[in-house]
Amino acid sequence: MQTIDQILPNSRRTVPQIYMYDDTSFPDWIKIGQTTRDDVNVRIDEQHPITEPHKTYHLLWHDNAFYADGSGESFSDHDLHDCLRRMGKELFGEWCRCSLREAQAAYVAVCHRNTHIEAVRDLDYPMRDEQEQAVKQTADYFVKMDKEEPDRPSHYLWNAKMRFGKTFATYQLAKRMGA
């Protein structure tokens, strides 16, 4: 099977990005936008053709706009705007009256396809390789045992050192297995 690079060798893949910036002209508001440019500053500069020393905006944060489930699907800034509305935030176009932490929490929620937001969760931690391996082996074991002996409860012991992150890995296992 050919890859996209083999089929279209001169094509350039774009990575959709979400960006957030503030502007001294609009205190307490954050602009949340989207671009496929390699450098989000180029897109922001198009919106603000004024250069230093009269620049009134400041890039606060940016990241890719792909869902965290590995599907390769992307989301848009409109998804973040909708999430912020559900959080009770005031929006005017792409501008939102919120803190950076609240805007980042909306990003994390959308990234994980979470439609219900209970609290501001603006941090997102990936599993380390050893945690990923433990979760995969355990999930595979439980699936295998459920097929072979469905009436017998399965047990799996992690002989993990201190600082392994057993609670975090257990939570990730539960998420992976839909528990």
N, C-alpha and C. Protein backbone atom coordinates (compact mmCIF):
# COMPACT_ATOMS: atom_id res chain seq x y z
N MET A 1 0.84 -1.18 0.00
CA MET A 1 0.00 0.00 0.00
C MET A 1 0.89 1.24 0.00
N GLN A 2 0.56 2.21 -0.83
CA GLN A 2 1.34 3.43 -0.92
C GLN A 2 0.93 4.44 0.13
N THR A 3 1.91 5.21 0.58
CA THR A 3 1.62 6.29 1.52
C THR A 3 1.22 7.52 0.74
N ILE A 4 0.68 8.50 1.46
CA ILE A 4 0.28 9.76 0.82
C ILE A 4 1.49 10.47 0.21
N ASP A 5 2.66 10.32 0.83
CA ASP A 5 3.87 10.95 0.29
C ASP A 5 4.30 10.31 -1.02
N GLN A 6 4.01 9.02 -1.20
CA GLN A 6 4.35 8.36 -2.45
C GLN A 6 3.35 8.72 -3.54
N ILE A 7 2.10 8.86 -3.18
CA ILE A 7 1.07 9.20 -4.16
C ILE A 7 1.20 10.66 -4.59
N LEU A 8 1.38 11.54 -3.63
CA LEU A 8 1.52 12.98 -3.89
C LEU A 8 2.84 13.46 -3.30
N PRO A 9 3.95 13.22 -3.99
CA PRO A 9 5.26 13.51 -3.40
C PRO A 9 5.52 14.99 -3.12
N ASN A 10 4.89 15.87 -3.84
CA ASN A 10 5.15 17.30 -3.65
C ASN A 10 4.11 17.97 -2.76
N SER A 11 3.21 17.17 -2.22
CA SER A 11 2.17 17.77 -1.38
C SER A 11 2.74 18.08 0.00
N ARG A 12 2.19 19.08 0.61
CA ARG A 12 2.62 19.48 1.95
C ARG A 12 1.44 19.32 2.88
N ARG A 13 1.63 18.53 3.91
CA ARG A 13 0.55 18.33 4.87
C ARG A 13 0.48 19.52 5.81
N THR A 14 -0.73 19.92 6.09
CA THR A 14 -0.92 21.02 7.03
C THR A 14 -1.44 20.45 8.34
N VAL A 15 -1.05 21.08 9.40
CA VAL A 15 -1.49 20.68 10.72
C VAL A 15 -2.39 21.78 11.27
N PRO A 16 -3.67 21.48 11.45
CA PRO A 16 -4.55 22.51 12.01
C PRO A 16 -4.13 22.83 13.44
N GLN A 17 -4.10 24.11 13.75
CA GLN A 17 -3.70 24.55 15.08
C GLN A 17 -4.74 25.49 15.67
N ILE A 18 -4.89 25.39 16.95
CA ILE A 18 -5.71 26.32 17.72
C ILE A 18 -4.75 27.30 18.39
N TYR A 19 -5.09 28.57 18.36
CA TYR A 19 -4.25 29.55 19.03
C TYR A 19 -5.11 30.47 19.89
N MET A 20 -4.48 31.03 20.90
CA MET A 20 -5.16 31.95 21.82
C MET A 20 -4.25 33.13 22.06
N TYR A 21 -4.81 34.33 21.92
CA TYR A 21 -4.02 35.52 22.22
C TYR A 21 -4.90 36.56 22.88
N ASP A 22 -4.22 37.49 23.57
CA ASP A 22 -4.95 38.61 24.15
C ASP A 22 -4.51 39.88 23.44
N ASP A 23 -5.26 40.92 23.64
CA ASP A 23 -5.00 42.21 23.00
C ASP A 23 -5.28 43.29 24.03
N THR A 24 -4.35 44.20 24.18
CA THR A 24 -4.52 45.26 25.18
C THR A 24 -5.73 46.13 24.87
N SER A 25 -6.18 46.10 23.64
CA SER A 25 -7.38 46.87 23.27
C SER A 25 -8.65 46.24 23.82
N PHE A 26 -8.58 44.96 24.17
CA PHE A 26 -9.74 44.22 24.69
C PHE A 26 -9.36 43.50 25.98
N PRO A 27 -9.19 44.22 27.07
CA PRO A 27 -8.79 43.57 28.31
C PRO A 27 -9.84 42.55 28.77
N ASP A 28 -9.37 41.47 29.38
CA ASP A 28 -10.22 40.39 29.91
C ASP A 28 -10.83 39.51 28.83
N TRP A 29 -10.46 39.71 27.58
CA TRP A 29 -10.97 38.88 26.49
C TRP A 29 -9.81 38.13 25.85
N ILE A 30 -10.08 36.92 25.38
CA ILE A 30 -9.08 36.12 24.67
C ILE A 30 -9.64 35.74 23.31
N LYS A 31 -8.83 35.93 22.29
CA LYS A 31 -9.21 35.51 20.93
C LYS A 31 -8.81 34.06 20.77
N ILE A 32 -9.74 33.23 20.34
CA ILE A 32 -9.49 31.81 20.11
C ILE A 32 -9.74 31.54 18.64
N GLY A 33 -8.67 31.22 17.92
CA GLY A 33 -8.77 31.02 16.48
C GLY A 33 -8.12 29.73 16.04
N GLN A 34 -8.13 29.54 14.74
CA GLN A 34 -7.60 28.32 14.14
C GLN A 34 -6.86 28.68 12.87
N THR A 35 -5.80 27.95 12.59
CA THR A 35 -5.05 28.15 11.36
C THR A 35 -4.39 26.85 10.94
N THR A 36 -4.01 26.78 9.67
CA THR A 36 -3.22 25.65 9.19
C THR A 36 -1.80 26.12 8.84
N ARG A 37 -1.49 27.33 9.20
CA ARG A 37 -0.13 27.85 8.97
C ARG A 37 0.85 27.14 9.90
N ASP A 38 2.09 27.01 9.44
CA ASP A 38 3.12 26.41 10.29
C ASP A 38 3.40 27.29 11.50
N ASP A 39 3.32 28.59 11.31
CA ASP A 39 3.59 29.55 12.38
C ASP A 39 2.32 30.34 12.65
N VAL A 40 1.72 30.15 13.82
CA VAL A 40 0.46 30.84 14.13
C VAL A 40 0.64 32.36 14.16
N ASN A 41 1.85 32.82 14.43
CA ASN A 41 2.08 34.27 14.45
C ASN A 41 1.83 34.90 13.09
N VAL A 42 2.08 34.16 12.02
CA VAL A 42 1.81 34.68 10.67
C VAL A 42 0.32 34.97 10.54
N ARG A 43 -0.51 34.05 11.01
CA ARG A 43 -1.97 34.24 10.94
C ARG A 43 -2.41 35.41 11.81
N ILE A 44 -1.86 35.50 13.00
CA ILE A 44 -2.24 36.60 13.89
C ILE A 44 -1.78 37.94 13.30
N ASP A 45 -0.60 37.96 12.72
CA ASP A 45 -0.10 39.20 12.10
C ASP A 45 -1.00 39.65 10.94
N GLU A 46 -1.65 38.70 10.27
CA GLU A 46 -2.60 39.07 9.21
C GLU A 46 -3.81 39.79 9.79
N GLN A 47 -4.18 39.43 11.01
CA GLN A 47 -5.32 40.07 11.67
C GLN A 47 -4.91 41.40 12.28
N HIS A 48 -3.62 41.53 12.60
CA HIS A 48 -3.07 42.73 13.22
C HIS A 48 -1.87 43.20 12.39
N PRO A 49 -2.11 43.99 11.35
CA PRO A 49 -1.00 44.38 10.48
C PRO A 49 -0.02 45.38 11.11
N ILE A 50 -0.23 45.72 12.36
CA ILE A 50 0.65 46.67 13.03
C ILE A 50 1.82 45.90 13.64
N THR A 51 3.04 46.39 13.46
CA THR A 51 4.21 45.72 14.01
C THR A 51 4.73 46.48 15.22
N GLU A 52 5.75 45.92 15.86
CA GLU A 52 6.37 46.56 17.02
C GLU A 52 6.79 47.98 16.65
N PRO A 53 6.79 48.95 17.53
CA PRO A 53 6.51 48.86 18.95
C PRO A 53 5.03 49.08 19.28
N HIS A 54 4.17 49.13 18.27
CA HIS A 54 2.75 49.43 18.53
C HIS A 54 1.87 48.19 18.58
N LYS A 55 2.50 47.03 18.60
CA LYS A 55 1.74 45.78 18.65
C LYS A 55 0.96 45.73 19.96
N THR A 56 -0.31 45.38 19.87
CA THR A 56 -1.17 45.38 21.05
C THR A 56 -1.55 43.98 21.50
N TYR A 57 -1.12 42.96 20.77
CA TYR A 57 -1.51 41.60 21.13
C TYR A 57 -0.32 40.78 21.60
N HIS A 58 -0.64 39.64 22.26
CA HIS A 58 0.38 38.75 22.77
C HIS A 58 -0.12 37.31 22.64
N LEU A 59 0.62 36.47 21.92
CA LEU A 59 0.26 35.06 21.79
C LEU A 59 0.38 34.41 23.16
N LEU A 60 -0.71 33.80 23.62
CA LEU A 60 -0.73 33.17 24.94
C LEU A 60 -0.43 31.67 24.87
N TRP A 61 -0.94 31.02 23.80
CA TRP A 61 -0.86 29.57 23.76
C TRP A 61 -1.30 29.08 22.39
N HIS A 62 -0.76 27.94 21.96
CA HIS A 62 -1.25 27.27 20.76
C HIS A 62 -0.88 25.79 20.80
N ASP A 63 -1.67 24.98 20.11
CA ASP A 63 -1.42 23.54 20.02
C ASP A 63 -2.19 23.01 18.82
N ASN A 64 -1.93 21.74 18.46
CA ASN A 64 -2.62 21.17 17.30
C ASN A 64 -4.10 20.99 17.61
N ALA A 65 -4.88 20.77 16.56
CA ALA A 65 -6.33 20.65 16.70
C ALA A 65 -6.80 19.24 16.36
N PHE A 66 -6.05 18.23 16.84
CA PHE A 66 -6.44 16.84 16.62
C PHE A 66 -7.02 16.26 17.91
N TYR A 67 -8.03 15.41 17.74
CA TYR A 67 -8.58 14.71 18.89
C TYR A 67 -7.49 13.79 19.48
N ALA A 68 -7.53 13.59 20.78
CA ALA A 68 -6.50 12.83 21.48
C ALA A 68 -6.64 11.32 21.32
N ASP A 69 -7.72 10.85 20.68
CA ASP A 69 -7.95 9.41 20.59
C ASP A 69 -7.15 8.73 19.48
N GLY A 70 -6.34 9.49 18.77
CA GLY A 70 -5.51 8.91 17.73
C GLY A 70 -6.24 8.66 16.42
N SER A 71 -7.46 9.14 16.29
CA SER A 71 -8.24 8.92 15.08
C SER A 71 -7.72 9.71 13.88
N GLY A 72 -6.95 10.74 14.16
CA GLY A 72 -6.47 11.60 13.07
C GLY A 72 -7.47 12.66 12.68
N GLU A 73 -8.64 12.66 13.31
CA GLU A 73 -9.64 13.68 13.04
C GLU A 73 -9.29 14.96 13.77
N SER A 74 -9.68 16.07 13.17
CA SER A 74 -9.39 17.35 13.81
C SER A 74 -10.70 18.04 14.20
N PHE A 75 -10.56 19.01 15.09
CA PHE A 75 -11.70 19.82 15.50
C PHE A 75 -11.38 21.27 15.15
N SER A 76 -12.35 22.13 15.34
CA SER A 76 -12.14 23.53 14.97
C SER A 76 -12.28 24.44 16.18
N ASP A 77 -11.92 25.69 15.97
CA ASP A 77 -12.08 26.68 17.03
C ASP A 77 -13.54 26.83 17.42
N HIS A 78 -14.47 26.54 16.50
CA HIS A 78 -15.90 26.64 16.81
C HIS A 78 -16.28 25.63 17.90
N ASP A 79 -15.62 24.47 17.90
CA ASP A 79 -15.88 23.48 18.95
C ASP A 79 -15.48 24.03 20.32
N LEU A 80 -14.37 24.76 20.37
CA LEU A 80 -13.94 25.38 21.63
C LEU A 80 -14.92 26.47 22.03
N HIS A 81 -15.37 27.26 21.05
CA HIS A 81 -16.34 28.33 21.35
C HIS A 81 -17.61 27.73 21.95
N ASP A 82 -18.10 26.63 21.35
CA ASP A 82 -19.31 25.97 21.87
C ASP A 82 -19.08 25.46 23.29
N CYS A 83 -17.91 24.88 23.52
CA CYS A 83 -17.58 24.37 24.85
C CYS A 83 -17.55 25.50 25.88
N LEU A 84 -16.96 26.62 25.51
CA LEU A 84 -16.90 27.76 26.42
C LEU A 84 -18.30 28.32 26.71
N ARG A 85 -19.18 28.29 25.71
CA ARG A 85 -20.57 28.72 25.95
C ARG A 85 -21.23 27.80 26.97
N ARG A 86 -20.99 26.48 26.83
CA ARG A 86 -21.55 25.53 27.79
C ARG A 86 -20.98 25.76 29.19
N MET A 87 -19.78 26.32 29.26
CA MET A 87 -19.17 26.64 30.55
C MET A 87 -19.73 27.94 31.11
N GLY A 88 -20.61 28.60 30.32
CA GLY A 88 -21.22 29.83 30.79
C GLY A 88 -20.41 31.08 30.49
N LYS A 89 -19.47 30.99 29.56
CA LYS A 89 -18.63 32.12 29.23
C LYS A 89 -19.28 32.99 28.16
N GLU A 90 -18.98 34.27 28.22
CA GLU A 90 -19.51 35.24 27.26
C GLU A 90 -18.62 35.25 26.03
N LEU A 91 -19.21 35.13 24.85
CA LEU A 91 -18.46 35.16 23.61
C LEU A 91 -18.99 36.25 22.69
N PHE A 92 -18.07 36.84 21.95
CA PHE A 92 -18.41 37.80 20.90
C PHE A 92 -17.57 37.40 19.70
N GLY A 93 -18.19 36.69 18.76
CA GLY A 93 -17.43 36.15 17.64
C GLY A 93 -16.44 35.12 18.15
N GLU A 94 -15.16 35.33 17.85
CA GLU A 94 -14.11 34.42 18.30
C GLU A 94 -13.45 34.90 19.59
N TRP A 95 -13.98 35.96 20.16
CA TRP A 95 -13.45 36.51 21.41
C TRP A 95 -14.26 36.00 22.58
N CYS A 96 -13.56 35.61 23.64
CA CYS A 96 -14.24 35.06 24.81
C CYS A 96 -13.74 35.78 26.06
N ARG A 97 -14.69 36.13 26.91
CA ARG A 97 -14.33 36.72 28.20
C ARG A 97 -14.09 35.56 29.17
N CYS A 98 -12.80 35.19 29.30
CA CYS A 98 -12.43 34.07 30.15
C CYS A 98 -10.95 34.16 30.46
N SER A 99 -10.51 33.31 31.35
CA SER A 99 -9.08 33.24 31.65
C SER A 99 -8.42 32.27 30.67
N LEU A 100 -7.11 32.35 30.58
CA LEU A 100 -6.38 31.41 29.73
C LEU A 100 -6.59 29.99 30.24
N ARG A 101 -6.62 29.82 31.55
CA ARG A 101 -6.82 28.49 32.13
C ARG A 101 -8.18 27.91 31.71
N GLU A 102 -9.22 28.72 31.70
CA GLU A 102 -10.54 28.25 31.29
C GLU A 102 -10.55 27.90 29.80
N ALA A 103 -9.88 28.71 28.98
CA ALA A 103 -9.81 28.43 27.54
C ALA A 103 -9.04 27.14 27.29
N GLN A 104 -7.96 26.92 28.04
CA GLN A 104 -7.20 25.69 27.89
C GLN A 104 -8.01 24.48 28.37
N ALA A 105 -8.82 24.67 29.40
CA ALA A 105 -9.68 23.59 29.87
C ALA A 105 -10.69 23.21 28.79
N ALA A 106 -11.20 24.19 28.07
CA ALA A 106 -12.11 23.90 26.95
C ALA A 106 -11.37 23.11 25.88
N TYR A 107 -10.12 23.48 25.61
CA TYR A 107 -9.31 22.75 24.63
C TYR A 107 -9.16 21.29 25.05
N VAL A 108 -8.81 21.04 26.31
CA VAL A 108 -8.62 19.67 26.80
C VAL A 108 -9.94 18.90 26.69
N ALA A 109 -11.05 19.54 27.04
CA ALA A 109 -12.35 18.87 26.97
C ALA A 109 -12.69 18.49 25.53
N VAL A 110 -12.52 19.42 24.61
CA VAL A 110 -12.82 19.13 23.20
C VAL A 110 -11.86 18.07 22.67
N CYS A 111 -10.60 18.20 23.00
CA CYS A 111 -9.58 17.26 22.54
C CYS A 111 -9.94 15.83 22.93
N HIS A 112 -10.56 15.65 24.09
CA HIS A 112 -10.95 14.33 24.58
C HIS A 112 -12.42 14.02 24.33
N ARG A 113 -13.05 14.83 23.49
CA ARG A 113 -14.47 14.64 23.12
C ARG A 113 -15.36 14.60 24.35
N ASN A 114 -15.03 15.40 25.33
CA ASN A 114 -15.80 15.47 26.57
C ASN A 114 -16.81 16.61 26.45
N THR A 115 -18.07 16.28 26.49
CA THR A 115 -19.10 17.30 26.34
C THR A 115 -19.56 17.86 27.67
N HIS A 116 -19.26 17.16 28.74
CA HIS A 116 -19.69 17.61 30.06
C HIS A 116 -18.47 18.07 30.85
N ILE A 117 -18.47 19.33 31.24
CA ILE A 117 -17.34 19.88 31.97
C ILE A 117 -17.76 20.19 33.39
N GLU A 118 -17.16 19.50 34.34
CA GLU A 118 -17.48 19.72 35.74
C GLU A 118 -16.58 20.77 36.36
N ALA A 119 -15.30 20.72 36.03
CA ALA A 119 -14.32 21.62 36.64
C ALA A 119 -13.30 22.03 35.59
N VAL A 120 -12.55 23.04 35.92
CA VAL A 120 -11.52 23.52 35.00
C VAL A 120 -10.36 22.54 35.05
N ARG A 121 -10.19 21.80 33.98
CA ARG A 121 -9.07 20.86 33.86
C ARG A 121 -8.27 21.29 32.64
N ASP A 122 -7.16 21.97 32.90
CA ASP A 122 -6.39 22.52 31.79
C ASP A 122 -5.09 21.76 31.53
N LEU A 123 -4.85 20.68 32.26
CA LEU A 123 -3.64 19.89 32.06
C LEU A 123 -4.01 18.54 31.50
N ASP A 124 -3.16 18.01 30.66
CA ASP A 124 -3.41 16.74 30.02
C ASP A 124 -2.09 15.97 30.00
N TYR A 125 -2.05 14.84 30.69
CA TYR A 125 -0.82 14.08 30.81
C TYR A 125 -0.90 12.80 29.99
N PRO A 126 0.05 12.59 29.11
CA PRO A 126 0.09 11.31 28.39
C PRO A 126 0.76 10.25 29.26
N MET A 127 0.49 8.99 28.95
CA MET A 127 1.13 7.90 29.68
C MET A 127 2.59 7.78 29.23
N ARG A 128 3.43 7.39 30.16
CA ARG A 128 4.81 7.06 29.80
C ARG A 128 4.80 5.69 29.12
N ASP A 129 5.90 5.34 28.45
CA ASP A 129 5.97 4.09 27.69
C ASP A 129 5.68 2.87 28.57
N GLU A 130 6.26 2.85 29.78
CA GLU A 130 6.06 1.68 30.65
C GLU A 130 4.62 1.60 31.14
N GLN A 131 3.95 2.73 31.31
CA GLN A 131 2.54 2.71 31.70
C GLN A 131 1.69 2.23 30.53
N GLU A 132 1.99 2.71 29.35
CA GLU A 132 1.26 2.29 28.15
C GLU A 132 1.39 0.78 27.96
N GLN A 133 2.59 0.25 28.15
CA GLN A 133 2.81 -1.18 28.02
C GLN A 133 2.02 -1.97 29.06
N ALA A 134 2.02 -1.51 30.29
CA ALA A 134 1.28 -2.20 31.36
C ALA A 134 -0.22 -2.18 31.07
N VAL A 135 -0.74 -1.05 30.64
CA VAL A 135 -2.17 -0.93 30.34
C VAL A 135 -2.55 -1.84 29.17
N LYS A 136 -1.73 -1.85 28.12
CA LYS A 136 -2.01 -2.69 26.96
C LYS A 136 -1.99 -4.18 27.35
N GLN A 137 -0.95 -4.61 28.07
CA GLN A 137 -0.87 -6.02 28.47
C GLN A 137 -2.04 -6.42 29.35
N THR A 138 -2.42 -5.54 30.27
CA THR A 138 -3.52 -5.85 31.18
C THR A 138 -4.85 -5.93 30.43
N ALA A 139 -5.09 -4.96 29.56
CA ALA A 139 -6.34 -4.95 28.78
C ALA A 139 -6.41 -6.19 27.90
N ASP A 140 -5.30 -6.53 27.25
CA ASP A 140 -5.27 -7.73 26.41
C ASP A 140 -5.56 -8.99 27.23
N TYR A 141 -4.98 -9.05 28.43
CA TYR A 141 -5.20 -10.20 29.31
C TYR A 141 -6.67 -10.31 29.70
N PHE A 142 -7.28 -9.20 30.10
CA PHE A 142 -8.69 -9.24 30.51
C PHE A 142 -9.60 -9.65 29.35
N VAL A 143 -9.33 -9.15 28.17
CA VAL A 143 -10.14 -9.53 27.00
C VAL A 143 -9.98 -11.02 26.72
N LYS A 144 -8.74 -11.51 26.77
CA LYS A 144 -8.46 -12.93 26.54
C LYS A 144 -9.17 -13.80 27.57
N MET A 145 -9.06 -13.43 28.84
CA MET A 145 -9.67 -14.24 29.89
C MET A 145 -11.20 -14.20 29.83
N ASP A 146 -11.76 -13.07 29.45
CA ASP A 146 -13.22 -12.99 29.32
C ASP A 146 -13.73 -13.92 28.23
N LYS A 147 -12.92 -14.15 27.19
CA LYS A 147 -13.31 -15.07 26.12
C LYS A 147 -13.13 -16.52 26.56
N GLU A 148 -11.99 -16.80 27.22
CA GLU A 148 -11.67 -18.18 27.59
C GLU A 148 -12.49 -18.67 28.79
N GLU A 149 -12.63 -17.83 29.79
CA GLU A 149 -13.34 -18.21 31.01
C GLU A 149 -14.26 -17.06 31.44
N PRO A 150 -15.39 -16.90 30.76
CA PRO A 150 -16.25 -15.75 31.02
C PRO A 150 -16.88 -15.72 32.42
N ASP A 151 -17.00 -16.87 33.07
CA ASP A 151 -17.64 -16.90 34.38
C ASP A 151 -16.65 -16.72 35.54
N ARG A 152 -15.38 -16.66 35.22
CA ARG A 152 -14.35 -16.54 36.27
C ARG A 152 -13.81 -15.11 36.28
N PRO A 153 -13.78 -14.44 37.43
CA PRO A 153 -13.23 -13.09 37.48
C PRO A 153 -11.72 -13.11 37.20
N SER A 154 -11.27 -12.15 36.44
CA SER A 154 -9.85 -12.06 36.08
C SER A 154 -9.11 -11.19 37.08
N HIS A 155 -7.86 -11.55 37.31
CA HIS A 155 -6.99 -10.75 38.17
C HIS A 155 -5.67 -10.53 37.44
N TYR A 156 -5.09 -9.37 37.65
CA TYR A 156 -3.79 -9.07 37.03
C TYR A 156 -3.02 -8.20 38.01
N LEU A 157 -1.82 -8.62 38.36
CA LEU A 157 -1.03 -7.89 39.35
C LEU A 157 0.09 -7.13 38.66
N TRP A 158 0.16 -5.85 38.96
CA TRP A 158 1.28 -5.04 38.48
C TRP A 158 2.34 -5.02 39.58
N ASN A 159 3.49 -5.52 39.28
CA ASN A 159 4.61 -5.46 40.20
C ASN A 159 5.40 -4.19 39.85
N ALA A 160 4.83 -3.05 40.20
CA ALA A 160 5.39 -1.77 39.80
C ALA A 160 6.08 -1.09 40.97
N LYS A 161 7.16 -0.39 40.65
CA LYS A 161 7.91 0.33 41.66
C LYS A 161 7.16 1.57 42.12
N MET A 162 7.66 2.15 43.20
CA MET A 162 7.12 3.45 43.63
C MET A 162 7.37 4.45 42.51
N ARG A 163 6.49 5.40 42.37
CA ARG A 163 6.56 6.47 41.37
C ARG A 163 6.21 5.98 39.96
N PHE A 164 5.70 4.73 39.85
CA PHE A 164 5.29 4.22 38.54
C PHE A 164 4.07 4.96 38.03
N GLY A 165 3.16 5.31 38.93
CA GLY A 165 1.90 5.93 38.53
C GLY A 165 0.80 4.91 38.41
N LYS A 166 0.69 4.04 39.41
CA LYS A 166 -0.29 2.95 39.35
C LYS A 166 -1.73 3.46 39.30
N THR A 167 -2.03 4.49 40.07
CA THR A 167 -3.39 5.03 40.07
C THR A 167 -3.72 5.63 38.71
N PHE A 168 -2.80 6.42 38.17
CA PHE A 168 -3.01 7.03 36.86
C PHE A 168 -3.16 5.94 35.78
N ALA A 169 -2.29 4.93 35.81
CA ALA A 169 -2.35 3.86 34.82
C ALA A 169 -3.65 3.06 34.97
N THR A 170 -4.10 2.85 36.19
CA THR A 170 -5.36 2.15 36.43
C THR A 170 -6.53 2.92 35.84
N TYR A 171 -6.50 4.23 36.03
CA TYR A 171 -7.54 5.08 35.45
C TYR A 171 -7.53 4.99 33.93
N GLN A 172 -6.32 4.99 33.34
CA GLN A 172 -6.21 4.88 31.90
C GLN A 172 -6.70 3.51 31.41
N LEU A 173 -6.43 2.46 32.20
CA LEU A 173 -6.92 1.13 31.87
C LEU A 173 -8.45 1.11 31.86
N ALA A 174 -9.04 1.71 32.89
CA ALA A 174 -10.50 1.77 32.96
C ALA A 174 -11.09 2.52 31.76
N LYS A 175 -10.45 3.62 31.40
CA LYS A 175 -10.92 4.37 30.22
C LYS A 175 -10.80 3.54 28.96
N ARG A 176 -9.69 2.85 28.80
CA ARG A 176 -9.47 2.06 27.59
C ARG A 176 -10.48 0.93 27.48
N MET A 177 -10.86 0.34 28.61
CA MET A 177 -11.77 -0.79 28.59
C MET A 177 -13.24 -0.37 28.69
N GLY A 178 -13.47 0.95 28.75
CA GLY A 178 -14.84 1.43 28.82
C GLY A 178 -15.52 1.12 30.13
N ALA A 179 -14.76 1.02 31.19
CA ALA A 179 -15.30 0.68 32.51
C ALA A 179 -15.91 1.93 33.16
